[in-house]
Structure formats: structure tokens, C-alpha cells
Amino acid sequence: SLQYHIKTHMEKEEDRLPFKCNECDKRFSSKANLAAHENSHLVDGDTGKKIYQCDVCDQMYGNKGALQKHILMHIG
């Protein structure tokens, strides 16, 4: 309804998106979405390469494709 849209629009961003990334200040509506986003900031301290980490078991991979293949193990 229009009243609902007006109410949600007027709410503070902190109320609508309470989970904030410490790296880039982006905000998210759920902790799971924040966790998935935070993976985009992971970098190997020795090599400087990006690291992709599984949200389920914390296993780490050097590329997104390997992580996606791994995730299938959890859902399939």
C-alpha cells in the first residue's frame, strides 16, 4: 500500500539496513548478506590475491569458480 511505502521510505537507513560493512560502509538488511559481501574484501596477506571464503564452512579458495563448485557440495 502507499502508506506502507511512505513509512518504509521515511525510516532511517540504519533501521532498514542494520548490518554495516566495516571495510566500505555499505549496509545490508541481513547478517547473511553482509557476510557474503564481506568476502569481497578478503585478500591473502602474503600474495595480495583475492580470497573467496565459504560462508558455511569457512573453506577458502583462490577463485570464485572454485568456491561456487564447493558450495554445490553443501546444497546438493
N, C-alpha and C. Protein backbone atom coordinates (compact mmCIF):
# COMPACT_ATOMS: atom_id res chain seq x y z
N SER A 1 0.83 -1.19 0.00
CA SER A 1 0.00 0.00 0.00
C SER A 1 0.88 1.25 0.00
N LEU A 2 0.29 2.34 -0.38
CA LEU A 2 1.01 3.60 -0.41
C LEU A 2 1.49 4.00 0.98
N GLN A 3 0.66 3.78 1.96
CA GLN A 3 1.03 4.13 3.34
C GLN A 3 2.26 3.34 3.79
N TYR A 4 2.32 2.07 3.44
CA TYR A 4 3.47 1.24 3.79
C TYR A 4 4.73 1.78 3.12
N HIS A 5 4.65 2.11 1.85
CA HIS A 5 5.81 2.62 1.12
C HIS A 5 6.31 3.94 1.69
N ILE A 6 5.41 4.78 2.07
CA ILE A 6 5.80 6.06 2.67
C ILE A 6 6.49 5.80 4.01
N LYS A 7 5.94 4.91 4.80
CA LYS A 7 6.52 4.60 6.11
C LYS A 7 7.92 4.02 5.95
N THR A 8 8.10 3.05 5.07
CA THR A 8 9.42 2.44 4.91
C THR A 8 10.42 3.41 4.32
N HIS A 9 9.96 4.29 3.47
CA HIS A 9 10.85 5.29 2.89
C HIS A 9 11.35 6.25 3.96
N MET A 10 10.51 6.54 4.91
CA MET A 10 10.84 7.51 5.94
C MET A 10 11.73 6.92 7.04
N GLU A 11 11.78 5.61 7.15
CA GLU A 11 12.61 5.00 8.18
C GLU A 11 14.07 5.34 7.93
N LYS A 12 14.83 5.37 8.99
CA LYS A 12 16.26 5.62 8.86
C LYS A 12 16.93 4.44 8.17
N GLU A 13 17.99 4.75 7.44
CA GLU A 13 18.74 3.69 6.76
C GLU A 13 19.24 2.66 7.77
N GLU A 14 19.64 3.10 8.94
CA GLU A 14 20.15 2.19 9.96
C GLU A 14 19.09 1.19 10.40
N ASP A 15 17.85 1.60 10.38
CA ASP A 15 16.76 0.71 10.76
C ASP A 15 16.46 -0.31 9.66
N ARG A 16 16.50 0.16 8.43
CA ARG A 16 16.21 -0.73 7.30
C ARG A 16 17.38 -1.64 6.98
N LEU A 17 18.59 -1.11 7.17
CA LEU A 17 19.81 -1.84 6.82
C LEU A 17 20.75 -1.82 8.02
N PRO A 18 20.47 -2.62 9.03
CA PRO A 18 21.22 -2.52 10.29
C PRO A 18 22.63 -3.10 10.27
N PHE A 19 22.97 -3.88 9.24
CA PHE A 19 24.27 -4.54 9.21
C PHE A 19 25.22 -3.79 8.28
N LYS A 20 26.30 -3.27 8.85
CA LYS A 20 27.21 -2.38 8.12
C LYS A 20 28.58 -3.04 7.94
N CYS A 21 29.10 -2.95 6.73
CA CYS A 21 30.43 -3.45 6.42
C CYS A 21 31.47 -2.52 7.04
N ASN A 22 32.42 -3.09 7.74
CA ASN A 22 33.47 -2.29 8.37
C ASN A 22 34.51 -1.79 7.38
N GLU A 23 34.55 -2.40 6.21
CA GLU A 23 35.54 -2.02 5.21
C GLU A 23 35.08 -0.85 4.33
N CYS A 24 33.83 -0.90 3.88
CA CYS A 24 33.40 0.10 2.90
C CYS A 24 32.12 0.84 3.30
N ASP A 25 31.58 0.54 4.46
CA ASP A 25 30.39 1.20 5.00
C ASP A 25 29.09 0.90 4.25
N LYS A 26 29.10 -0.07 3.32
CA LYS A 26 27.83 -0.48 2.71
C LYS A 26 26.98 -1.13 3.80
N ARG A 27 25.67 -1.02 3.65
CA ARG A 27 24.74 -1.54 4.65
C ARG A 27 23.87 -2.63 4.03
N PHE A 28 23.43 -3.57 4.89
CA PHE A 28 22.66 -4.72 4.44
C PHE A 28 21.52 -5.01 5.40
N SER A 29 20.48 -5.64 4.87
CA SER A 29 19.30 -5.93 5.67
C SER A 29 19.46 -7.19 6.52
N SER A 30 20.41 -8.05 6.15
CA SER A 30 20.59 -9.28 6.92
C SER A 30 22.07 -9.55 7.16
N LYS A 31 22.34 -10.28 8.22
CA LYS A 31 23.71 -10.64 8.56
C LYS A 31 24.30 -11.55 7.47
N ALA A 32 23.47 -12.41 6.89
CA ALA A 32 23.94 -13.31 5.83
C ALA A 32 24.38 -12.51 4.60
N ASN A 33 23.63 -11.49 4.24
CA ASN A 33 24.01 -10.66 3.09
C ASN A 33 25.30 -9.90 3.37
N LEU A 34 25.46 -9.43 4.60
CA LEU A 34 26.70 -8.76 4.97
C LEU A 34 27.87 -9.72 4.89
N ALA A 35 27.71 -10.93 5.41
CA ALA A 35 28.79 -11.91 5.39
C ALA A 35 29.20 -12.24 3.96
N ALA A 36 28.24 -12.40 3.08
CA ALA A 36 28.55 -12.68 1.68
C ALA A 36 29.31 -11.51 1.05
N HIS A 37 28.90 -10.31 1.37
CA HIS A 37 29.57 -9.12 0.85
C HIS A 37 31.00 -9.01 1.39
N GLU A 38 31.17 -9.29 2.67
CA GLU A 38 32.49 -9.13 3.28
C GLU A 38 33.53 -10.02 2.61
N ASN A 39 33.10 -11.12 2.01
CA ASN A 39 34.04 -11.97 1.29
C ASN A 39 34.71 -11.23 0.14
N SER A 40 34.08 -10.19 -0.36
CA SER A 40 34.67 -9.44 -1.48
C SER A 40 35.88 -8.64 -1.03
N HIS A 41 36.08 -8.50 0.27
CA HIS A 41 37.21 -7.74 0.79
C HIS A 41 38.38 -8.61 1.24
N LEU A 42 38.22 -9.93 1.21
CA LEU A 42 39.27 -10.81 1.70
C LEU A 42 40.45 -10.85 0.73
N VAL A 43 41.64 -10.65 1.27
CA VAL A 43 42.86 -10.68 0.47
C VAL A 43 43.92 -11.45 1.24
N ASP A 44 44.66 -12.30 0.54
CA ASP A 44 45.76 -13.05 1.14
C ASP A 44 46.87 -12.08 1.50
N GLY A 45 47.26 -12.06 2.76
CA GLY A 45 48.29 -11.13 3.22
C GLY A 45 49.65 -11.35 2.59
N ASP A 46 49.96 -12.58 2.19
CA ASP A 46 51.26 -12.88 1.61
C ASP A 46 51.32 -12.57 0.12
N THR A 47 50.26 -12.92 -0.60
CA THR A 47 50.29 -12.77 -2.06
C THR A 47 49.55 -11.52 -2.55
N GLY A 48 48.66 -10.99 -1.73
CA GLY A 48 47.86 -9.85 -2.16
C GLY A 48 46.71 -10.23 -3.07
N LYS A 49 46.53 -11.55 -3.29
CA LYS A 49 45.45 -12.01 -4.16
C LYS A 49 44.15 -12.11 -3.38
N LYS A 50 43.06 -11.95 -4.10
CA LYS A 50 41.73 -12.04 -3.51
C LYS A 50 41.46 -13.47 -3.06
N ILE A 51 40.78 -13.61 -1.93
CA ILE A 51 40.41 -14.91 -1.39
C ILE A 51 38.88 -15.00 -1.36
N TYR A 52 38.36 -16.14 -1.73
CA TYR A 52 36.92 -16.38 -1.68
C TYR A 52 36.66 -17.42 -0.60
N GLN A 53 35.80 -17.09 0.37
CA GLN A 53 35.58 -17.95 1.52
C GLN A 53 34.14 -18.44 1.57
N CYS A 54 33.98 -19.71 1.86
CA CYS A 54 32.66 -20.32 2.00
C CYS A 54 32.00 -19.81 3.28
N ASP A 55 30.76 -19.36 3.17
CA ASP A 55 30.02 -18.88 4.34
C ASP A 55 29.59 -20.01 5.26
N VAL A 56 29.56 -21.23 4.74
CA VAL A 56 29.08 -22.36 5.52
C VAL A 56 30.19 -22.97 6.37
N CYS A 57 31.35 -23.22 5.76
CA CYS A 57 32.41 -23.94 6.47
C CYS A 57 33.73 -23.17 6.57
N ASP A 58 33.77 -21.96 6.03
CA ASP A 58 34.95 -21.09 6.06
C ASP A 58 36.12 -21.57 5.21
N GLN A 59 35.93 -22.59 4.39
CA GLN A 59 36.97 -23.03 3.46
C GLN A 59 37.29 -21.87 2.51
N MET A 60 38.56 -21.70 2.16
CA MET A 60 38.96 -20.59 1.31
C MET A 60 39.46 -21.08 -0.05
N TYR A 61 39.18 -20.26 -1.07
CA TYR A 61 39.57 -20.59 -2.44
C TYR A 61 40.19 -19.39 -3.12
N GLY A 62 41.01 -19.65 -4.10
CA GLY A 62 41.71 -18.59 -4.82
C GLY A 62 40.92 -17.98 -5.95
N ASN A 63 39.79 -18.61 -6.31
CA ASN A 63 38.95 -18.01 -7.36
C ASN A 63 37.49 -18.31 -7.10
N LYS A 64 36.66 -17.48 -7.66
CA LYS A 64 35.22 -17.54 -7.41
C LYS A 64 34.61 -18.84 -7.95
N GLY A 65 35.10 -19.30 -9.07
CA GLY A 65 34.57 -20.54 -9.66
C GLY A 65 34.78 -21.74 -8.75
N ALA A 66 35.95 -21.82 -8.15
CA ALA A 66 36.24 -22.93 -7.24
C ALA A 66 35.31 -22.87 -6.02
N LEU A 67 35.07 -21.68 -5.52
CA LEU A 67 34.16 -21.53 -4.39
C LEU A 67 32.75 -21.95 -4.79
N GLN A 68 32.30 -21.53 -5.95
CA GLN A 68 30.95 -21.88 -6.40
C GLN A 68 30.80 -23.39 -6.55
N LYS A 69 31.82 -24.05 -7.06
CA LYS A 69 31.80 -25.51 -7.19
C LYS A 69 31.72 -26.15 -5.80
N HIS A 70 32.49 -25.62 -4.87
CA HIS A 70 32.48 -26.12 -3.49
C HIS A 70 31.11 -25.95 -2.85
N ILE A 71 30.47 -24.81 -3.06
CA ILE A 71 29.17 -24.53 -2.44
C ILE A 71 28.13 -25.56 -2.87
N LEU A 72 28.26 -26.07 -4.08
CA LEU A 72 27.33 -27.10 -4.55
C LEU A 72 27.35 -28.32 -3.64
N MET A 73 28.49 -28.60 -3.03
CA MET A 73 28.61 -29.72 -2.11
C MET A 73 27.67 -29.52 -0.91
N HIS A 74 27.53 -28.30 -0.46
CA HIS A 74 26.68 -28.02 0.69
C HIS A 74 25.20 -28.08 0.35
N ILE A 75 24.85 -27.71 -0.87
CA ILE A 75 23.43 -27.64 -1.21
C ILE A 75 22.95 -28.83 -2.03
N GLY A 76 23.87 -29.62 -2.54
CA GLY A 76 23.48 -30.73 -3.39
C GLY A 76 23.65 -32.01 -2.72
